[in-house]
Protein backbone atom coordinates (compact mmCIF):
# COMPACT_ATOMS: atom_id res chain seq x y z
CA MET A 1 122.94 93.46 81.30
CA GLY A 2 121.69 93.89 84.90
CA ARG A 3 122.77 97.45 85.06
CA ARG A 4 121.27 98.11 81.66
CA VAL A 5 117.92 96.52 82.71
CA SER A 6 117.92 98.39 85.93
CA ARG A 7 118.54 101.61 84.34
CA ARG A 8 115.82 101.23 81.76
CA PHE A 9 113.09 99.74 84.09
CA VAL A 10 113.97 100.96 87.65
CA ALA A 11 114.41 104.60 88.75
CA GLY A 12 117.49 104.26 90.65
CA MET A 13 118.09 102.78 94.21
CA THR A 14 116.95 105.73 96.56
CA VAL A 15 114.04 107.79 97.43
CA GLU A 16 115.75 110.84 96.23
CA GLU A 17 116.34 109.28 92.74
CA ALA A 18 112.68 108.05 92.48
CA ILE A 19 111.45 111.60 93.41
CA ALA A 20 113.65 113.18 90.62
CA VAL A 21 112.05 110.95 87.82
CA ALA A 22 108.59 111.51 89.41
CA GLU A 23 109.41 115.48 88.97
CA GLN A 24 110.47 114.87 85.46
CA LEU A 25 107.57 112.73 84.38
CA ASN A 26 105.21 115.38 86.15
CA SER A 27 106.95 117.99 83.98
CA GLU A 28 105.98 115.84 80.84
CA GLY A 29 102.23 115.84 81.78
CA ILE A 30 102.47 112.27 83.38
CA ASP A 31 101.15 111.46 86.83
CA VAL A 32 103.43 108.93 88.92
CA THR A 33 102.85 106.02 91.14
CA LEU A 34 105.90 105.43 93.35
CA ASP A 35 106.77 101.70 94.02
CA SER A 36 109.44 100.78 96.52
CA LEU A 37 110.38 97.29 95.37
CA GLY A 38 110.29 94.49 97.92
CA GLU A 39 107.96 91.55 99.02
CA SER A 40 107.69 88.55 101.29
CA VAL A 41 109.66 90.07 104.22
CA ALA A 42 110.38 87.43 107.07
CA GLU A 43 110.88 89.94 109.97
CA VAL A 44 108.60 92.65 111.73
CA SER A 45 111.55 95.00 111.37
CA GLN A 46 111.83 94.58 107.77
CA ALA A 47 108.08 95.43 107.36
CA GLU A 48 108.61 98.48 109.59
CA GLU A 49 111.52 99.44 107.35
CA SER A 50 109.54 99.05 104.24
CA ALA A 51 106.74 101.36 105.87
CA ALA A 52 109.17 103.99 106.82
CA THR A 53 110.30 104.29 103.09
CA TYR A 54 106.57 104.76 102.05
CA HIS A 55 106.01 107.52 104.81
CA GLN A 56 109.11 109.19 103.33
CA LEU A 57 107.61 109.06 99.93
CA LEU A 58 104.27 110.46 100.93
CA ASP A 59 106.10 113.36 102.73
CA GLU A 60 107.96 114.18 99.72
CA ILE A 61 104.77 113.98 97.58
CA GLY A 62 103.12 116.41 99.94
CA THR A 63 105.97 118.77 100.27
CA ARG A 64 106.82 118.96 96.73
CA LYS A 65 103.02 118.85 95.58
CA LEU A 66 103.73 116.02 93.16
CA ARG A 67 101.04 114.47 91.06
CA ALA A 68 101.77 111.07 92.73
CA ASN A 69 100.92 108.29 94.86
CA VAL A 70 102.20 105.07 96.16
CA SER A 71 101.83 101.36 95.48
CA LEU A 72 102.69 98.64 98.03
CA LYS A 73 102.42 94.87 98.32
CA LEU A 74 100.88 93.20 101.51
CA THR A 75 103.69 90.69 101.92
CA GLN A 76 106.06 93.59 101.95
CA MET A 77 104.27 95.02 104.87
CA GLY A 78 104.46 91.69 106.89
CA MET A 79 101.44 89.68 105.58
CA ASP A 80 103.31 86.35 105.69
CA ILE A 81 104.83 86.89 108.94
CA GLY A 82 104.01 84.09 111.52
CA GLY A 83 103.67 84.56 115.25
CA HIS A 84 101.59 86.57 117.64
CA GLY A 85 100.81 90.08 116.72
CA ALA A 86 102.14 89.58 113.01
CA GLY A 87 100.85 88.47 109.70
CA PRO A 88 97.55 89.87 108.44
CA GLU A 89 97.03 91.99 111.59
CA LEU A 90 100.39 93.42 111.30
CA ALA A 91 100.14 94.44 107.62
CA GLU A 92 96.80 96.05 108.02
CA ALA A 93 98.03 98.11 110.87
CA ILE A 94 100.88 99.09 108.90
CA VAL A 95 98.92 99.97 105.69
CA ALA A 96 96.31 101.82 107.67
CA ARG A 97 98.89 104.32 108.89
CA LEU A 98 99.98 104.96 105.38
CA VAL A 99 96.45 105.47 104.18
CA GLU A 100 95.82 107.84 106.84
CA HIS A 101 98.94 109.59 106.05
CA ALA A 102 97.90 109.61 102.26
CA ALA A 103 94.59 111.00 103.29
CA ARG A 104 95.96 113.84 105.19
CA ILE A 105 97.85 115.16 102.20
CA ASN A 106 95.23 114.39 99.63
CA SER A 107 97.23 111.59 98.08
CA PHE A 108 96.37 107.79 97.73
CA VAL A 109 97.60 104.44 98.41
CA ARG A 110 97.21 101.46 95.83
CA ILE A 111 97.47 97.91 97.47
CA ASP A 112 98.98 96.15 94.73
CA MET A 113 97.73 92.56 93.91
CA GLU A 114 99.98 89.35 94.30
CA GLY A 115 99.25 85.80 93.50
CA SER A 116 95.75 84.32 93.79
CA ASP A 117 96.30 83.14 97.32
CA TYR A 118 96.16 86.80 98.39
CA THR A 119 93.39 88.09 96.14
CA GLU A 120 90.42 87.80 98.62
CA ALA A 121 92.52 89.05 101.56
CA THR A 122 93.84 92.03 99.44
CA ILE A 123 90.32 92.98 98.39
CA ALA A 124 88.96 92.61 101.94
CA MET A 125 91.45 94.80 103.52
CA THR A 126 91.09 97.33 100.89
CA GLU A 127 87.33 97.36 101.68
CA ARG A 128 87.92 97.73 105.39
CA LEU A 129 90.24 100.65 104.91
CA TYR A 130 88.13 102.31 102.38
CA ARG A 131 85.51 102.63 104.88
CA ARG A 132 87.77 104.48 107.11
CA TRP A 133 89.48 106.77 104.61
CA PRO A 134 87.16 106.88 101.56
CA GLY A 135 88.88 107.90 98.32
CA ALA A 136 92.44 107.35 99.81
CA VAL A 137 92.85 103.69 99.02
CA GLY A 138 92.20 101.40 96.13
CA THR A 139 93.37 98.02 94.71
CA VAL A 140 94.39 96.01 91.58
CA LEU A 141 92.42 93.48 89.65
CA GLN A 142 93.75 90.93 87.35
CA ALA A 143 91.88 90.23 84.16
CA TYR A 144 93.22 86.59 83.92
CA LEU A 145 91.08 85.43 86.98
CA PHE A 146 87.77 84.13 86.25
CA ARG A 147 86.56 85.84 89.44
CA THR A 148 87.48 89.23 88.50
CA ALA A 149 84.25 90.30 86.73
CA ASP A 150 82.50 89.77 90.07
CA ASP A 151 85.16 91.54 91.83
CA VAL A 152 84.84 94.68 89.62
CA GLU A 153 80.88 94.84 90.48
CA ARG A 154 81.87 94.36 94.19
CA LEU A 155 84.17 97.15 94.26
CA LEU A 156 82.35 99.53 91.87
CA ALA A 157 79.19 99.21 94.30
CA GLN A 158 81.43 100.69 97.03
CA GLY A 159 82.90 103.44 94.83
CA ILE A 160 86.53 101.91 95.20
CA ARG A 161 89.24 102.73 92.63
CA MET A 162 90.71 99.82 90.82
CA ARG A 163 93.68 99.41 88.43
CA LEU A 164 92.88 96.77 85.94
CA CYS A 165 95.90 94.56 84.62
CA LYS A 166 96.07 91.49 82.82
CA GLY A 167 98.17 89.66 85.61
CA ALA A 168 101.78 88.57 85.55
CA TYR A 169 101.66 85.57 87.96
CA LYS A 170 101.47 81.88 86.98
CA GLU A 171 98.03 80.64 88.13
CA PRO A 172 96.41 77.23 87.68
CA ALA A 173 93.95 76.64 84.95
CA GLU A 174 91.00 76.04 87.38
CA ILE A 175 90.81 79.73 88.30
CA ALA A 176 92.48 81.72 85.32
CA PHE A 177 92.29 82.06 81.59
CA ALA A 178 95.18 80.12 79.98
CA ALA A 179 95.09 81.51 76.49
CA LYS A 180 96.22 85.16 75.64
CA SER A 181 93.29 85.66 73.52
CA ASP A 182 90.84 84.81 76.44
CA VAL A 183 92.63 87.15 78.87
CA ASP A 184 92.69 89.93 76.21
CA ALA A 185 88.81 89.52 75.56
CA ASN A 186 88.17 89.57 79.07
CA TYR A 187 90.33 92.60 79.67
CA VAL A 188 88.48 94.51 77.11
CA LYS A 189 85.09 93.55 78.49
CA LEU A 190 86.18 94.64 82.09
CA ALA A 191 87.72 97.92 80.78
CA HIS A 192 84.54 98.79 78.98
CA ARG A 193 82.68 98.41 82.24
CA LEU A 194 85.15 100.58 84.20
CA VAL A 195 85.35 103.38 81.89
CA THR A 196 81.73 103.78 81.67
CA SER A 197 81.18 103.53 85.62
CA PRO A 198 81.10 106.50 87.87
CA VAL A 199 84.26 105.26 89.48
CA PHE A 200 87.65 106.73 88.26
CA CYS A 201 89.82 103.85 87.46
CA GLY A 202 93.17 102.91 85.88
CA ILE A 203 93.53 100.98 82.69
CA ALA A 204 96.78 99.27 82.86
CA THR A 205 98.14 98.10 79.59
CA HIS A 206 100.70 98.40 77.10
CA ASP A 207 99.14 96.47 74.45
CA GLU A 208 98.56 99.03 71.53
CA ALA A 209 95.61 97.02 69.88
CA ILE A 210 93.83 97.35 73.36
CA VAL A 211 94.82 100.90 73.62
CA ASP A 212 93.45 101.81 70.11
CA GLU A 213 90.14 99.72 70.96
CA LEU A 214 89.67 101.70 74.03
CA GLU A 215 90.06 104.99 72.34
CA ALA A 216 87.64 104.08 69.67
CA PHE A 217 85.25 102.81 72.43
CA VAL A 218 85.34 105.92 74.48
CA ALA A 219 84.76 108.12 71.39
CA ALA A 220 81.72 106.11 70.29
CA HIS A 221 80.17 106.10 73.75
CA ALA A 222 80.86 109.73 74.50
CA VAL A 223 83.11 108.83 77.68
CA GLU A 224 84.86 111.70 78.88
CA LYS A 225 88.86 111.28 78.65
CA SER A 226 88.94 112.37 82.35
CA ALA A 227 86.95 109.51 83.45
CA PHE A 228 89.79 107.25 83.75
CA GLU A 229 93.56 107.00 83.09
CA PHE A 230 95.94 104.74 81.27
CA GLN A 231 98.70 103.33 83.32
CA MET A 232 102.00 101.92 82.09
CA LEU A 233 105.32 100.81 83.72
CA TYR A 234 108.46 103.02 83.86
CA GLY A 235 110.54 102.51 80.68
CA ILE A 236 108.02 100.66 78.68
CA ARG A 237 106.37 102.13 75.69
CA ARG A 238 107.36 105.50 76.35
CA ASP A 239 106.37 106.55 72.77
CA LEU A 240 102.99 105.28 73.45
CA GLN A 241 102.68 107.22 76.72
CA ARG A 242 103.56 110.40 74.97
CA LYS A 243 101.04 109.85 72.17
CA LEU A 244 98.34 109.38 74.84
CA VAL A 245 99.16 112.64 76.58
CA ASP A 246 99.25 114.41 73.27
CA ALA A 247 95.76 113.06 72.65
CA GLY A 248 94.47 114.48 76.01
CA PHE A 249 94.19 111.22 77.95
CA GLY A 250 95.56 111.08 81.61
CA VAL A 251 98.48 108.88 81.79
CA ARG A 252 100.19 107.50 84.94
CA VAL A 253 103.47 105.61 85.10
CA TYR A 254 104.48 103.12 87.77
CA VAL A 255 108.03 104.17 88.83
CA PRO A 256 109.70 101.18 90.82
CA PHE A 257 112.85 101.87 92.75
CA GLY A 258 115.14 100.32 95.24
CA ARG A 259 117.78 97.87 95.83
CA GLU A 260 115.45 94.88 95.70
CA TRP A 261 114.86 95.18 91.90
CA TYR A 262 117.07 92.21 91.13
CA PRO A 263 115.28 89.47 93.07
CA TYR A 264 111.84 91.21 92.16
CA PHE A 265 112.55 90.75 88.51
CA MET A 266 114.06 87.40 88.74
CA ARG A 267 110.95 86.06 90.60
CA ARG A 268 108.60 87.60 88.09
CA LEU A 269 110.42 86.32 85.16
CA ALA A 270 110.81 82.63 86.81
CA GLU A 271 107.02 82.71 87.43
CA ARG A 272 106.02 83.32 83.95
CA PRO A 273 108.17 82.82 80.71
CA ALA A 274 105.84 85.50 78.89
CA ASN A 275 107.29 88.26 81.35
CA VAL A 276 110.80 87.63 79.77
CA LEU A 277 109.42 87.94 76.25
CA PHE A 278 107.56 91.22 77.38
CA LEU A 279 110.63 92.68 78.71
CA ALA A 280 112.91 91.62 75.72
CA LYS A 281 110.45 92.90 73.23
CA ASN A 282 110.21 96.37 75.01
CA PHE A 283 113.94 96.74 76.02
CA PHE A 284 114.81 98.28 72.77
CA LYS A 285 111.67 100.18 71.93
CA ASN A 286 111.48 103.84 72.64
C-alpha cells in the first residue's frame, strides 16, 4: 500500500524524477510547483541540505526553461532549531538566498503555510523578502482560519501573491471554522476577492462544486481566465485538471517528491481524519 500511495501522490525520490514529471506536465499544458518533502529539521546541517536541494531544483528550472517554481516549509529551513544563530534568523537567511536565486532566473518561491503557530511569522517573513525581491516570493493562506480575510487584504495591499487553500492542520475552535460548510463558504468568499483583485493568485482546490461556482462567477463578472490559476496536488483529480486546461484556465500542479514522503503523509493523516478520507476518495479516481 505504501508503494502504491507513493507512486500515485509522490513524484519519485530524487530531483531527477521530479524534473521528469515536471517536464511531462508542462507538455500537457500544466504549470508545476516542485516541493521537496520534509519539515521540522533539528540540525543546521539538515536545513542546509534541504536548501541545497531547492537550489538544485531552481538550477534545473532555469536550465530547462520549465514553467515551474518551488514551494518550501520554514520548519524545513531551520525555523524550529534552537541555539545562537539558528531558528527564525537561520530560516530567513536560507530562504532569502533561495528567493534571490529564484529572482535571478525569473522563477518564484512559495513559502508554504504550516500550523497556526507559524501563521504570523510566515506572513511577516514573506513581506520582508518581498520588499527585497518583489514578485519572486509569496505565501499560502488557509480559509479555515478566522484571521484569513484580514490577511488577504494585508497581502493584496502589498501586491503579494497568495495561494488560497482550505487548510489541512487540526486547529482549535477559537481560531478556525470547524464545520466544512463554514470553511467552504469562507473559501468561496475569499476566492471571489482574490480573482477580482489585480494580484495574480492561486486558487487551490479539488472541490468540483467550488470549481464550478468559480467558473460561473468569473464568467458573470467578466474576469479574465489569465487573472488567476487553479492549483491542485499531483495525482489528485487529474480528470479535473485536464478539463480546466481544455477550458482555457491556468492550472498548476504541486509535485511533491523525496524520501520523506512517508513521515510527511503520516503526520498529515494523523493530524486530521478528514485527510485520510480525502486521499482514500481520490486514490481510485482518474
